[in-house]
Amino acid sequence: MGIREPRDGPSRRNAEVRAGQTITVTDHGTPVDRPTALERLVAEGIVQPPVRTKTPAADPVDGGVALSEIAPSDRR
């Protein structure tokens, strides 16, 4: 059901749940509060999250000359 539907008849929805029906609330078709595939795999112990984060790339170095000027001379 869409995210707005529960407020459009809460007593009817409560009765459905009491009768054993499962209701999934969605937001634009995506279930709300549903774990992602990765979160499920971590919870099941199938995968482990990384111990450390990736190190960022180093800052670029300015050699004072364009690569297009160097490349033709190296090819000869």
PDB file of N, CA and C in Angstrom:
ATOM      1  N   MET A   1       0.843  -1.178   0.000  1.00  0.00           N
ATOM      2  CA  MET A   1       0.000   0.000   0.000  1.00  0.00           C
ATOM      3  C   MET A   1       0.877   1.226   0.000  1.00  0.00           C
ATOM      4  N   GLY A   2       0.384   2.290  -0.547  1.00  0.00           N
ATOM      5  CA  GLY A   2       1.114   3.549  -0.562  1.00  0.00           C
ATOM      6  C   GLY A   2       1.228   4.138   0.823  1.00  0.00           C
ATOM      7  N   ILE A   3       2.133   5.085   0.975  1.00  0.00           N
ATOM      8  CA  ILE A   3       2.420   5.659   2.289  1.00  0.00           C
ATOM      9  C   ILE A   3       1.226   6.417   2.883  1.00  0.00           C
ATOM     10  N   ARG A   4       0.302   6.882   2.043  1.00  0.00           N
ATOM     11  CA  ARG A   4      -0.849   7.638   2.539  1.00  0.00           C
ATOM     12  C   ARG A   4      -2.038   6.755   2.895  1.00  0.00           C
ATOM     13  N   GLU A   5      -2.058   5.532   2.391  1.00  0.00           N
ATOM     14  CA  GLU A   5      -3.214   4.665   2.596  1.00  0.00           C
ATOM     15  C   GLU A   5      -3.517   4.316   4.053  1.00  0.00           C
ATOM     16  N   PRO A   6      -2.524   4.107   4.926  1.00  0.00           N
ATOM     17  CA  PRO A   6      -2.864   3.738   6.306  1.00  0.00           C
ATOM     18  C   PRO A   6      -3.755   4.755   7.009  1.00  0.00           C
ATOM     19  N   ARG A   7      -3.631   6.017   6.668  1.00  0.00           N
ATOM     20  CA  ARG A   7      -4.458   7.022   7.343  1.00  0.00           C
ATOM     21  C   ARG A   7      -5.868   7.112   6.736  1.00  0.00           C
ATOM     22  N   ASP A   8      -6.086   6.433   5.606  1.00  0.00           N
ATOM     23  CA  ASP A   8      -7.391   6.444   4.947  1.00  0.00           C
ATOM     24  C   ASP A   8      -8.259   5.273   5.393  1.00  0.00           C
ATOM     25  N   GLY A   9      -8.298   4.968   6.623  1.00  0.00           N
ATOM     26  CA  GLY A   9      -9.105   3.861   7.128  1.00  0.00           C
ATOM     27  C   GLY A   9      -8.306   3.019   8.099  1.00  0.00           C
ATOM     28  N   PRO A  10      -7.781   3.635   9.146  1.00  0.00           N
ATOM     29  CA  PRO A  10      -6.900   2.903  10.054  1.00  0.00           C
ATOM     30  C   PRO A  10      -7.586   1.729  10.760  1.00  0.00           C
ATOM     31  N   SER A  11      -8.867   1.840  11.100  1.00  0.00           N
ATOM     32  CA  SER A  11      -9.517   0.727  11.801  1.00  0.00           C
ATOM     33  C   SER A  11      -9.648  -0.495  10.882  1.00  0.00           C
ATOM     34  N   ARG A  12      -9.882  -0.265   9.599  1.00  0.00           N
ATOM     35  CA  ARG A  12      -9.950  -1.379   8.656  1.00  0.00           C
ATOM     36  C   ARG A  12      -8.575  -2.035   8.516  1.00  0.00           C
ATOM     37  N   ARG A  13      -7.522  -1.228   8.447  1.00  0.00           N
ATOM     38  CA  ARG A  13      -6.156  -1.758   8.342  1.00  0.00           C
ATOM     39  C   ARG A  13      -5.796  -2.545   9.603  1.00  0.00           C
ATOM     40  N   ASN A  14      -6.175  -2.024  10.779  1.00  0.00           N
ATOM     41  CA  ASN A  14      -5.904  -2.741  12.029  1.00  0.00           C
ATOM     42  C   ASN A  14      -6.601  -4.091  12.030  1.00  0.00           C
ATOM     43  N   ALA A  15      -7.817  -4.144  11.546  1.00  0.00           N
ATOM     44  CA  ALA A  15      -8.562  -5.401  11.504  1.00  0.00           C
ATOM     45  C   ALA A  15      -7.877  -6.395  10.563  1.00  0.00           C
ATOM     46  N   GLU A  16      -7.361  -5.916   9.440  1.00  0.00           N
ATOM     47  CA  GLU A  16      -6.662  -6.786   8.499  1.00  0.00           C
ATOM     48  C   GLU A  16      -5.401  -7.380   9.138  1.00  0.00           C
ATOM     49  N   VAL A  17      -4.666  -6.551   9.870  1.00  0.00           N
ATOM     50  CA  VAL A  17      -3.448  -7.025  10.531  1.00  0.00           C
ATOM     51  C   VAL A  17      -3.803  -8.026  11.630  1.00  0.00           C
ATOM     52  N   ARG A  18      -4.846  -7.738  12.399  1.00  0.00           N
ATOM     53  CA  ARG A  18      -5.275  -8.672  13.448  1.00  0.00           C
ATOM     54  C   ARG A  18      -5.676 -10.021  12.852  1.00  0.00           C
ATOM     55  N   ALA A  19      -6.204 -10.004  11.650  1.00  0.00           N
ATOM     56  CA  ALA A  19      -6.612 -11.244  10.980  1.00  0.00           C
ATOM     57  C   ALA A  19      -5.414 -11.998  10.393  1.00  0.00           C
ATOM     58  N   GLY A  20      -4.211 -11.437  10.535  1.00  0.00           N
ATOM     59  CA  GLY A  20      -3.014 -12.128  10.078  1.00  0.00           C
ATOM     60  C   GLY A  20      -2.436 -11.635   8.775  1.00  0.00           C
ATOM     61  N   GLN A  21      -3.054 -10.625   8.187  1.00  0.00           N
ATOM     62  CA  GLN A  21      -2.542 -10.112   6.917  1.00  0.00           C
ATOM     63  C   GLN A  21      -1.310  -9.242   7.174  1.00  0.00           C
ATOM     64  N   THR A  22      -0.320  -9.372   6.311  1.00  0.00           N
ATOM     65  CA  THR A  22       0.877  -8.541   6.383  1.00  0.00           C
ATOM     66  C   THR A  22       0.695  -7.359   5.448  1.00  0.00           C
ATOM     67  N   ILE A  23       0.994  -6.187   5.945  1.00  0.00           N
ATOM     68  CA  ILE A  23       0.862  -4.973   5.139  1.00  0.00           C
ATOM     69  C   ILE A  23       2.244  -4.348   4.983  1.00  0.00           C
ATOM     70  N   THR A  24       2.632  -4.083   3.754  1.00  0.00           N
ATOM     71  CA  THR A  24       3.899  -3.421   3.467  1.00  0.00           C
ATOM     72  C   THR A  24       3.598  -2.019   2.991  1.00  0.00           C
ATOM     73  N   VAL A  25       4.131  -1.031   3.697  1.00  0.00           N
ATOM     74  CA  VAL A  25       3.935   0.366   3.318  1.00  0.00           C
ATOM     75  C   VAL A  25       5.050   0.745   2.361  1.00  0.00           C
ATOM     76  N   THR A  26       4.678   1.381   1.250  1.00  0.00           N
ATOM     77  CA  THR A  26       5.662   1.775   0.240  1.00  0.00           C
ATOM     78  C   THR A  26       5.652   3.279   0.026  1.00  0.00           C
ATOM     79  N   ASP A  27       6.771   3.781  -0.435  1.00  0.00           N
ATOM     80  CA  ASP A  27       6.903   5.181  -0.817  1.00  0.00           C
ATOM     81  C   ASP A  27       7.359   5.182  -2.265  1.00  0.00           C
ATOM     82  N   HIS A  28       6.478   5.530  -3.177  1.00  0.00           N
ATOM     83  CA  HIS A  28       6.735   5.481  -4.618  1.00  0.00           C
ATOM     84  C   HIS A  28       7.153   4.076  -5.047  1.00  0.00           C
ATOM     85  N   GLY A  29       6.504   3.077  -4.490  1.00  0.00           N
ATOM     86  CA  GLY A  29       6.751   1.700  -4.877  1.00  0.00           C
ATOM     87  C   GLY A  29       7.900   1.016  -4.147  1.00  0.00           C
ATOM     88  N   THR A  30       8.645   1.759  -3.332  1.00  0.00           N
ATOM     89  CA  THR A  30       9.758   1.185  -2.580  1.00  0.00           C
ATOM     90  C   THR A  30       9.321   0.956  -1.140  1.00  0.00           C
ATOM     91  N   PRO A  31       9.465  -0.260  -0.630  1.00  0.00           N
ATOM     92  CA  PRO A  31       9.061  -0.516   0.756  1.00  0.00           C
ATOM     93  C   PRO A  31       9.787   0.396   1.745  1.00  0.00           C
ATOM     94  N   VAL A  32       9.061   0.890   2.714  1.00  0.00           N
ATOM     95  CA  VAL A  32       9.610   1.771   3.734  1.00  0.00           C
ATOM     96  C   VAL A  32      10.201   0.900   4.842  1.00  0.00           C
ATOM     97  N   ASP A  33      11.362   1.278   5.348  1.00  0.00           N
ATOM     98  CA  ASP A  33      12.054   0.578   6.435  1.00  0.00           C
ATOM     99  C   ASP A  33      12.407  -0.855   6.084  1.00  0.00           C
ATOM    100  N   ARG A  34      12.701  -1.105   4.846  1.00  0.00           N
ATOM    101  CA  ARG A  34      13.135  -2.441   4.441  1.00  0.00           C
ATOM    102  C   ARG A  34      14.646  -2.393   4.240  1.00  0.00           C
ATOM    103  N   PRO A  35      15.375  -3.344   4.815  1.00  0.00           N
ATOM    104  CA  PRO A  35      16.832  -3.307   4.659  1.00  0.00           C
ATOM    105  C   PRO A  35      17.235  -3.547   3.209  1.00  0.00           C
ATOM    106  N   THR A  36      18.358  -2.964   2.835  1.00  0.00           N
ATOM    107  CA  THR A  36      18.888  -3.171   1.491  1.00  0.00           C
ATOM    108  C   THR A  36      19.444  -4.582   1.390  1.00  0.00           C
ATOM    109  N   ALA A  37      19.755  -5.005   0.179  1.00  0.00           N
ATOM    110  CA  ALA A  37      20.322  -6.342  -0.024  1.00  0.00           C
ATOM    111  C   ALA A  37      21.633  -6.485   0.744  1.00  0.00           C
ATOM    112  N   LEU A  38      22.478  -5.446   0.728  1.00  0.00           N
ATOM    113  CA  LEU A  38      23.739  -5.494   1.449  1.00  0.00           C
ATOM    114  C   LEU A  38      23.501  -5.606   2.954  1.00  0.00           C
ATOM    115  N   GLU A  39      22.551  -4.832   3.484  1.00  0.00           N
ATOM    116  CA  GLU A  39      22.243  -4.903   4.915  1.00  0.00           C
ATOM    117  C   GLU A  39      21.762  -6.297   5.306  1.00  0.00           C
ATOM    118  N   ARG A  40      20.963  -6.933   4.448  1.00  0.00           N
ATOM    119  CA  ARG A  40      20.495  -8.297   4.738  1.00  0.00           C
ATOM    120  C   ARG A  40      21.656  -9.286   4.733  1.00  0.00           C
ATOM    121  N   LEU A  41      22.572  -9.151   3.761  1.00  0.00           N
ATOM    122  CA  LEU A  41      23.717 -10.058   3.690  1.00  0.00           C
ATOM    123  C   LEU A  41      24.634  -9.892   4.897  1.00  0.00           C
ATOM    124  N   VAL A  42      24.822  -8.666   5.360  1.00  0.00           N
ATOM    125  CA  VAL A  42      25.634  -8.424   6.553  1.00  0.00           C
ATOM    126  C   VAL A  42      24.945  -9.037   7.770  1.00  0.00           C
ATOM    127  N   ALA A  43      23.633  -8.835   7.893  1.00  0.00           N
ATOM    128  CA  ALA A  43      22.887  -9.378   9.031  1.00  0.00           C
ATOM    129  C   ALA A  43      22.922 -10.903   9.051  1.00  0.00           C
ATOM    130  N   GLU A  44      22.948 -11.536   7.881  1.00  0.00           N
ATOM    131  CA  GLU A  44      22.996 -12.992   7.795  1.00  0.00           C
ATOM    132  C   GLU A  44      24.418 -13.529   7.954  1.00  0.00           C
ATOM    133  N   GLY A  45      25.412 -12.639   8.010  1.00  0.00           N
ATOM    134  CA  GLY A  45      26.797 -13.066   8.173  1.00  0.00           C
ATOM    135  C   GLY A  45      27.444 -13.561   6.902  1.00  0.00           C
ATOM    136  N   ILE A  46      26.804 -13.322   5.764  1.00  0.00           N
ATOM    137  CA  ILE A  46      27.349 -13.782   4.481  1.00  0.00           C
ATOM    138  C   ILE A  46      28.489 -12.877   4.023  1.00  0.00           C
ATOM    139  N   VAL A  47      28.360 -11.591   4.244  1.00  0.00           N
ATOM    140  CA  VAL A  47      29.421 -10.639   3.908  1.00  0.00           C
ATOM    141  C   VAL A  47      29.781  -9.842   5.148  1.00  0.00           C
ATOM    142  N   GLN A  48      30.961  -9.264   5.119  1.00  0.00           N
ATOM    143  CA  GLN A  48      31.408  -8.422   6.224  1.00  0.00           C
ATOM    144  C   GLN A  48      31.639  -7.013   5.697  1.00  0.00           C
ATOM    145  N   PRO A  49      31.232  -6.014   6.458  1.00  0.00           N
ATOM    146  CA  PRO A  49      31.497  -4.640   6.021  1.00  0.00           C
ATOM    147  C   PRO A  49      33.001  -4.373   6.081  1.00  0.00           C
ATOM    148  N   PRO A  50      33.497  -3.406   5.323  1.00  0.00           N
ATOM    149  CA  PRO A  50      34.933  -3.131   5.341  1.00  0.00           C
ATOM    150  C   PRO A  50      35.395  -2.682   6.725  1.00  0.00           C
ATOM    151  N   VAL A  51      36.606  -3.071   7.065  1.00  0.00           N
ATOM    152  CA  VAL A  51      37.165  -2.693   8.363  1.00  0.00           C
ATOM    153  C   VAL A  51      37.598  -1.236   8.338  1.00  0.00           C
ATOM    154  N   ARG A  52      38.127  -0.805   7.212  1.00  0.00           N
ATOM    155  CA  ARG A  52      38.544   0.593   7.085  1.00  0.00           C
ATOM    156  C   ARG A  52      38.022   1.151   5.770  1.00  0.00           C
ATOM    157  N   THR A  53      37.946   2.435   5.706  1.00  0.00           N
ATOM    158  CA  THR A  53      37.458   3.082   4.486  1.00  0.00           C
ATOM    159  C   THR A  53      38.601   3.246   3.491  1.00  0.00           C
ATOM    160  N   LYS A  54      38.252   3.488   2.260  1.00  0.00           N
ATOM    161  CA  LYS A  54      39.262   3.701   1.225  1.00  0.00           C
ATOM    162  C   LYS A  54      40.027   4.990   1.502  1.00  0.00           C
ATOM    163  N   THR A  55      41.298   4.976   1.202  1.00  0.00           N
ATOM    164  CA  THR A  55      42.070   6.207   1.329  1.00  0.00           C
ATOM    165  C   THR A  55      41.802   7.068   0.101  1.00  0.00           C
ATOM    166  N   PRO A  56      41.664   8.365   0.307  1.00  0.00           N
ATOM    167  CA  PRO A  56      41.391   9.226  -0.848  1.00  0.00           C
ATOM    168  C   PRO A  56      42.597   9.292  -1.786  1.00  0.00           C
ATOM    169  N   ALA A  57      42.319   9.579  -3.033  1.00  0.00           N
ATOM    170  CA  ALA A  57      43.389   9.708  -4.028  1.00  0.00           C
ATOM    171  C   ALA A  57      44.272  10.900  -3.685  1.00  0.00           C
ATOM    172  N   ALA A  58      45.529  10.807  -4.050  1.00  0.00           N
ATOM    173  CA  ALA A  58      46.466  11.904  -3.796  1.00  0.00           C
ATOM    174  C   ALA A  58      46.101  13.103  -4.667  1.00  0.00           C
ATOM    175  N   ASP A  59      46.499  14.266  -4.219  1.00  0.00           N
ATOM    176  CA  ASP A  59      46.267  15.478  -5.000  1.00  0.00           C
ATOM    177  C   ASP A  59      47.108  15.419  -6.273  1.00  0.00           C
ATOM    178  N   PRO A  60      46.584  15.933  -7.389  1.00  0.00           N
ATOM    179  CA  PRO A  60      47.359  15.915  -8.630  1.00  0.00           C
ATOM    180  C   PRO A  60      48.614  16.783  -8.506  1.00  0.00           C
ATOM    181  N   VAL A  61      49.655  16.385  -9.215  1.00  0.00           N
ATOM    182  CA  VAL A  61      50.915  17.130  -9.201  1.00  0.00           C
ATOM    183  C   VAL A  61      51.005  17.926 -10.489  1.00  0.00           C
ATOM    184  N   ASP A  62      51.341  19.201 -10.383  1.00  0.00           N
ATOM    185  CA  ASP A  62      51.494  20.053 -11.562  1.00  0.00           C
ATOM    186  C   ASP A  62      52.968  20.062 -11.941  1.00  0.00           C
ATOM    187  N   GLY A  63      53.303  19.429 -13.060  1.00  0.00           N
ATOM    188  CA  GLY A  63      54.691  19.357 -13.514  1.00  0.00           C
ATOM    189  C   GLY A  63      55.125  20.573 -14.317  1.00  0.00           C
ATOM    190  N   GLY A  64      54.201  21.486 -14.567  1.00  0.00           N
ATOM    191  CA  GLY A  64      54.536  22.705 -15.292  1.00  0.00           C
ATOM    192  C   GLY A  64      54.549  22.553 -16.799  1.00  0.00           C
ATOM    193  N   VAL A  65      54.238  21.357 -17.310  1.00  0.00           N
ATOM    194  CA  VAL A  65      54.221  21.142 -18.741  1.00  0.00           C
ATOM    195  C   VAL A  65      53.039  20.232 -19.072  1.00  0.00           C
ATOM    196  N   ALA A  66      52.443  20.438 -20.230  1.00  0.00           N
ATOM    197  CA  ALA A  66      51.285  19.641 -20.619  1.00  0.00           C
ATOM    198  C   ALA A  66      51.733  18.284 -21.156  1.00  0.00           C
ATOM    199  N   LEU A  67      50.966  17.256 -20.874  1.00  0.00           N
ATOM    200  CA  LEU A  67      51.272  15.915 -21.352  1.00  0.00           C
ATOM    201  C   LEU A  67      51.301  15.873 -22.881  1.00  0.00           C
ATOM    202  N   SER A  68      50.463  16.662 -23.524  1.00  0.00           N
ATOM    203  CA  SER A  68      50.435  16.683 -24.993  1.00  0.00           C
ATOM    204  C   SER A  68      51.750  17.192 -25.571  1.00  0.00           C
ATOM    205  N   GLU A  69      52.522  17.948 -24.813  1.00  0.00           N
ATOM    206  CA  GLU A  69      53.830  18.424 -25.285  1.00  0.00           C
ATOM    207  C   GLU A  69      54.909  17.359 -25.087  1.00  0.00           C
ATOM    208  N   ILE A  70      54.769  16.535 -24.069  1.00  0.00           N
ATOM    209  CA  ILE A  70      55.778  15.528 -23.750  1.00  0.00           C
ATOM    210  C   ILE A  70      55.587  14.271 -24.586  1.00  0.00           C
ATOM    211  N   ALA A  71      54.360  13.820 -24.774  1.00  0.00           N
ATOM    212  CA  ALA A  71      54.069  12.539 -25.422  1.00  0.00           C
ATOM    213  C   ALA A  71      54.690  12.414 -26.832  1.00  0.00           C
ATOM    214  N   PRO A  72      54.564  13.397 -27.736  1.00  0.00           N
ATOM    215  CA  PRO A  72      55.135  13.215 -29.084  1.00  0.00           C
ATOM    216  C   PRO A  72      56.651  13.037 -29.047  1.00  0.00           C
ATOM    217  N   SER A  73      57.358  13.708 -28.147  1.00  0.00           N
ATOM    218  CA  SER A  73      58.821  13.583 -28.104  1.00  0.00           C
ATOM    219  C   SER A  73      59.246  12.212 -27.583  1.00  0.00           C
ATOM    220  N   ASP A  74      58.461  11.583 -26.743  1.00  0.00           N
ATOM    221  CA  ASP A  74      58.768  10.263 -26.216  1.00  0.00           C
ATOM    222  C   ASP A  74      58.512   9.162 -27.231  1.00  0.00           C
ATOM    223  N   ARG A  75      57.730   9.419 -28.261  1.00  0.00           N
ATOM    224  CA  ARG A  75      57.366   8.408 -29.237  1.00  0.00           C
ATOM    225  C   ARG A  75      58.423   8.246 -30.320  1.00  0.00           C
ATOM    226  N   ARG A  76      59.345   9.114 -30.406  1.00  0.00           N
ATOM    227  CA  ARG A  76      60.337   9.070 -31.509  1.00  0.00           C
ATOM    228  C   ARG A  76      61.456   8.151 -31.203  1.00  0.00           C
TER     229      ARG A  76
END
